[in-house]
Amino acid sequence: MATQRPGKKNNDLCDTYCPSEKVEYLREKVLEVAGLSEIFKVLSDETRTKILFLLAQQELCVCDLAGVLDMSLPAISHHLRLLKALRLVKYRREGKMAYYSLDDEHVLNLISEAQEHYAEGR
């Protein structure tokens, strides 16, 4: 734990611990975002972000994704398994082929918002 130098004030801290009446309300409110970090962890991988971006363009099979991203089929399947587990992508079967697409518009909105935010910083 960092200690303060004598005479130096840490502006990031309150002078005294004095929680307000808002604390209980906010403690309940913060439960609304419990678990969201899992989505951001999955999205933090560049390959998975690229997969989602490509699936926002059109439905693709594992072979197409592997070809575009220059990766092996097992590697793409691994990423898709994680994306499916969080309901970010879905698939449909056509014979022996499985075609992947975004699960819903929310995923596209996440990507679009992130793109806009990233572009603002340039």
C-alpha atoms as a PDB file:
ATOM      1  CA  MET A   1       0.000   0.000   0.000  1.00  0.00           C
ATOM      2  CA  ALA A   2       1.392   3.405  -0.958  1.00  0.00           C
ATOM      3  CA  THR A   3       1.974   5.899   1.793  1.00  0.00           C
ATOM      4  CA  GLN A   4       1.590   9.619   1.501  1.00  0.00           C
ATOM      5  CA  ARG A   5       4.536  11.936   1.915  1.00  0.00           C
ATOM      6  CA  PRO A   6       4.162  14.353   4.787  1.00  0.00           C
ATOM      7  CA  GLY A   7       2.674  17.607   3.565  1.00  0.00           C
ATOM      8  CA  LYS A   8       1.450  16.063   0.273  1.00  0.00           C
ATOM      9  CA  LYS A   9      -2.293  15.679  -0.225  1.00  0.00           C
ATOM     10  CA  ASN A  10      -3.740  12.911  -2.379  1.00  0.00           C
ATOM     11  CA  ASN A  11      -6.567  14.546  -4.349  1.00  0.00           C
ATOM     12  CA  ASP A  12      -7.944  11.150  -5.355  1.00  0.00           C
ATOM     13  CA  LEU A  13      -9.113  10.385  -1.827  1.00  0.00           C
ATOM     14  CA  CYS A  14     -11.684  11.837   0.539  1.00  0.00           C
ATOM     15  CA  ASP A  15     -10.240  13.499   3.617  1.00  0.00           C
ATOM     16  CA  THR A  16     -12.395  11.264   5.798  1.00  0.00           C
ATOM     17  CA  TYR A  17     -14.513   8.196   5.159  1.00  0.00           C
ATOM     18  CA  CYS A  18     -18.062   9.475   5.070  1.00  0.00           C
ATOM     19  CA  PRO A  19     -20.351   7.403   2.826  1.00  0.00           C
ATOM     20  CA  SER A  20     -23.550   9.172   1.879  1.00  0.00           C
ATOM     21  CA  GLU A  21     -27.072   7.809   1.702  1.00  0.00           C
ATOM     22  CA  LYS A  22     -26.466   7.085  -2.000  1.00  0.00           C
ATOM     23  CA  VAL A  23     -24.228   4.132  -1.167  1.00  0.00           C
ATOM     24  CA  GLU A  24     -27.001   1.568  -0.615  1.00  0.00           C
ATOM     25  CA  TYR A  25     -28.888   2.673  -3.745  1.00  0.00           C
ATOM     26  CA  LEU A  26     -25.717   2.482  -5.836  1.00  0.00           C
ATOM     27  CA  ARG A  27     -24.758  -0.880  -4.331  1.00  0.00           C
ATOM     28  CA  GLU A  28     -28.073  -2.241  -5.667  1.00  0.00           C
ATOM     29  CA  LYS A  29     -27.662  -0.439  -8.995  1.00  0.00           C
ATOM     30  CA  VAL A  30     -24.187  -1.850  -9.661  1.00  0.00           C
ATOM     31  CA  LEU A  31     -25.653  -5.361  -9.741  1.00  0.00           C
ATOM     32  CA  GLU A  32     -27.193  -4.446 -13.113  1.00  0.00           C
ATOM     33  CA  VAL A  33     -23.767  -4.660 -14.775  1.00  0.00           C
ATOM     34  CA  ALA A  34     -22.625  -7.847 -13.056  1.00  0.00           C
ATOM     35  CA  GLY A  35     -21.274 -10.233 -15.673  1.00  0.00           C
ATOM     36  CA  LEU A  36     -20.834  -7.657 -18.442  1.00  0.00           C
ATOM     37  CA  SER A  37     -17.075  -7.813 -18.085  1.00  0.00           C
ATOM     38  CA  GLU A  38     -17.200 -11.337 -19.562  1.00  0.00           C
ATOM     39  CA  ILE A  39     -18.434  -9.893 -22.851  1.00  0.00           C
ATOM     40  CA  PHE A  40     -15.671  -7.307 -22.859  1.00  0.00           C
ATOM     41  CA  LYS A  41     -13.057  -9.961 -22.061  1.00  0.00           C
ATOM     42  CA  VAL A  42     -14.169 -11.957 -25.089  1.00  0.00           C
ATOM     43  CA  LEU A  43     -14.247  -8.838 -27.258  1.00  0.00           C
ATOM     44  CA  SER A  44     -10.773  -7.792 -26.100  1.00  0.00           C
ATOM     45  CA  ASP A  45      -9.221 -10.405 -28.376  1.00  0.00           C
ATOM     46  CA  GLU A  46      -8.378  -8.919 -31.790  1.00  0.00           C
ATOM     47  CA  THR A  47      -9.264 -12.109 -33.669  1.00  0.00           C
ATOM     48  CA  ARG A  48     -12.709 -12.352 -32.091  1.00  0.00           C
ATOM     49  CA  THR A  49     -13.344  -8.697 -32.851  1.00  0.00           C
ATOM     50  CA  LYS A  50     -12.416  -9.341 -36.482  1.00  0.00           C
ATOM     51  CA  ILE A  51     -14.708 -12.367 -36.604  1.00  0.00           C
ATOM     52  CA  LEU A  52     -17.613 -10.305 -35.282  1.00  0.00           C
ATOM     53  CA  PHE A  53     -16.861  -7.534 -37.763  1.00  0.00           C
ATOM     54  CA  LEU A  54     -16.839 -10.011 -40.655  1.00  0.00           C
ATOM     55  CA  LEU A  55     -20.075 -11.610 -39.475  1.00  0.00           C
ATOM     56  CA  ALA A  56     -21.623  -8.143 -39.322  1.00  0.00           C
ATOM     57  CA  GLN A  57     -20.946  -7.961 -43.075  1.00  0.00           C
ATOM     58  CA  GLN A  58     -22.471 -11.333 -43.943  1.00  0.00           C
ATOM     59  CA  GLU A  59     -23.085 -14.897 -42.816  1.00  0.00           C
ATOM     60  CA  LEU A  60     -19.922 -17.029 -43.154  1.00  0.00           C
ATOM     61  CA  CYS A  61     -18.771 -20.595 -42.632  1.00  0.00           C
ATOM     62  CA  VAL A  62     -15.681 -21.554 -40.646  1.00  0.00           C
ATOM     63  CA  CYS A  63     -13.726 -22.151 -43.876  1.00  0.00           C
ATOM     64  CA  ASP A  64     -14.440 -18.617 -45.116  1.00  0.00           C
ATOM     65  CA  LEU A  65     -13.437 -17.088 -41.784  1.00  0.00           C
ATOM     66  CA  ALA A  66     -10.241 -19.154 -41.716  1.00  0.00           C
ATOM     67  CA  GLY A  67      -9.411 -18.065 -45.260  1.00  0.00           C
ATOM     68  CA  VAL A  68      -9.988 -14.361 -44.648  1.00  0.00           C
ATOM     69  CA  LEU A  69      -8.113 -14.319 -41.344  1.00  0.00           C
ATOM     70  CA  ASP A  70      -5.392 -16.739 -42.529  1.00  0.00           C
ATOM     71  CA  MET A  71      -5.940 -19.039 -39.559  1.00  0.00           C
ATOM     72  CA  SER A  72      -6.513 -22.748 -39.020  1.00  0.00           C
ATOM     73  CA  LEU A  73     -10.010 -24.222 -38.826  1.00  0.00           C
ATOM     74  CA  PRO A  74      -9.514 -25.385 -35.201  1.00  0.00           C
ATOM     75  CA  ALA A  75      -8.382 -21.887 -34.164  1.00  0.00           C
ATOM     76  CA  ILE A  76     -11.456 -20.272 -35.747  1.00  0.00           C
ATOM     77  CA  SER A  77     -13.704 -22.918 -34.178  1.00  0.00           C
ATOM     78  CA  HIS A  78     -12.217 -22.180 -30.763  1.00  0.00           C
ATOM     79  CA  HIS A  79     -13.026 -18.475 -31.096  1.00  0.00           C
ATOM     80  CA  LEU A  80     -16.528 -19.191 -32.397  1.00  0.00           C
ATOM     81  CA  ARG A  81     -17.185 -21.516 -29.444  1.00  0.00           C
ATOM     82  CA  LEU A  82     -16.417 -18.659 -27.027  1.00  0.00           C
ATOM     83  CA  LEU A  83     -18.552 -16.218 -29.017  1.00  0.00           C
ATOM     84  CA  LYS A  84     -21.444 -18.705 -29.072  1.00  0.00           C
ATOM     85  CA  ALA A  85     -21.185 -19.274 -25.321  1.00  0.00           C
ATOM     86  CA  LEU A  86     -21.858 -15.567 -24.752  1.00  0.00           C
ATOM     87  CA  ARG A  87     -24.606 -15.517 -27.391  1.00  0.00           C
ATOM     88  CA  LEU A  88     -22.714 -13.089 -29.600  1.00  0.00           C
ATOM     89  CA  VAL A  89     -22.953 -15.376 -32.636  1.00  0.00           C
ATOM     90  CA  LYS A  90     -25.366 -18.057 -33.760  1.00  0.00           C
ATOM     91  CA  TYR A  91     -25.195 -20.679 -36.472  1.00  0.00           C
ATOM     92  CA  ARG A  92     -27.415 -22.639 -38.764  1.00  0.00           C
ATOM     93  CA  ARG A  93     -26.713 -25.967 -40.380  1.00  0.00           C
ATOM     94  CA  GLU A  94     -27.048 -26.649 -44.066  1.00  0.00           C
ATOM     95  CA  GLY A  95     -26.094 -30.262 -44.656  1.00  0.00           C
ATOM     96  CA  LYS A  96     -22.593 -30.695 -43.250  1.00  0.00           C
ATOM     97  CA  MET A  97     -21.890 -26.974 -43.296  1.00  0.00           C
ATOM     98  CA  ALA A  98     -22.452 -24.560 -40.418  1.00  0.00           C
ATOM     99  CA  TYR A  99     -22.971 -20.894 -41.246  1.00  0.00           C
ATOM    100  CA  TYR A 100     -22.337 -18.271 -38.581  1.00  0.00           C
ATOM    101  CA  SER A 101     -23.913 -14.864 -38.139  1.00  0.00           C
ATOM    102  CA  LEU A 102     -24.304 -12.296 -35.391  1.00  0.00           C
ATOM    103  CA  ASP A 103     -26.818 -13.343 -32.782  1.00  0.00           C
ATOM    104  CA  ASP A 104     -28.731 -10.050 -32.913  1.00  0.00           C
ATOM    105  CA  GLU A 105     -28.522  -6.310 -33.566  1.00  0.00           C
ATOM    106  CA  HIS A 106     -27.058  -5.641 -30.113  1.00  0.00           C
ATOM    107  CA  VAL A 107     -23.757  -7.148 -31.207  1.00  0.00           C
ATOM    108  CA  LEU A 108     -23.676  -4.925 -34.287  1.00  0.00           C
ATOM    109  CA  ASN A 109     -24.420  -1.902 -32.081  1.00  0.00           C
ATOM    110  CA  LEU A 110     -21.487  -2.772 -29.794  1.00  0.00           C
ATOM    111  CA  ILE A 111     -19.164  -2.951 -32.788  1.00  0.00           C
ATOM    112  CA  SER A 112     -20.495   0.276 -34.324  1.00  0.00           C
ATOM    113  CA  GLU A 113     -20.206   2.206 -31.059  1.00  0.00           C
ATOM    114  CA  ALA A 114     -16.650   0.969 -30.528  1.00  0.00           C
ATOM    115  CA  GLN A 115     -15.713   1.931 -34.112  1.00  0.00           C
ATOM    116  CA  GLU A 116     -17.117   5.432 -33.656  1.00  0.00           C
ATOM    117  CA  HIS A 117     -15.332   5.913 -30.354  1.00  0.00           C
ATOM    118  CA  TYR A 118     -12.044   4.675 -31.803  1.00  0.00           C
ATOM    119  CA  ALA A 119     -12.371   6.972 -34.844  1.00  0.00           C
ATOM    120  CA  GLU A 120     -12.925  10.017 -32.591  1.00  0.00           C
ATOM    121  CA  GLY A 121      -9.505   9.556 -31.058  1.00  0.00           C
ATOM    122  CA  ARG A 122      -7.656   9.702 -34.371  1.00  0.00           C
END
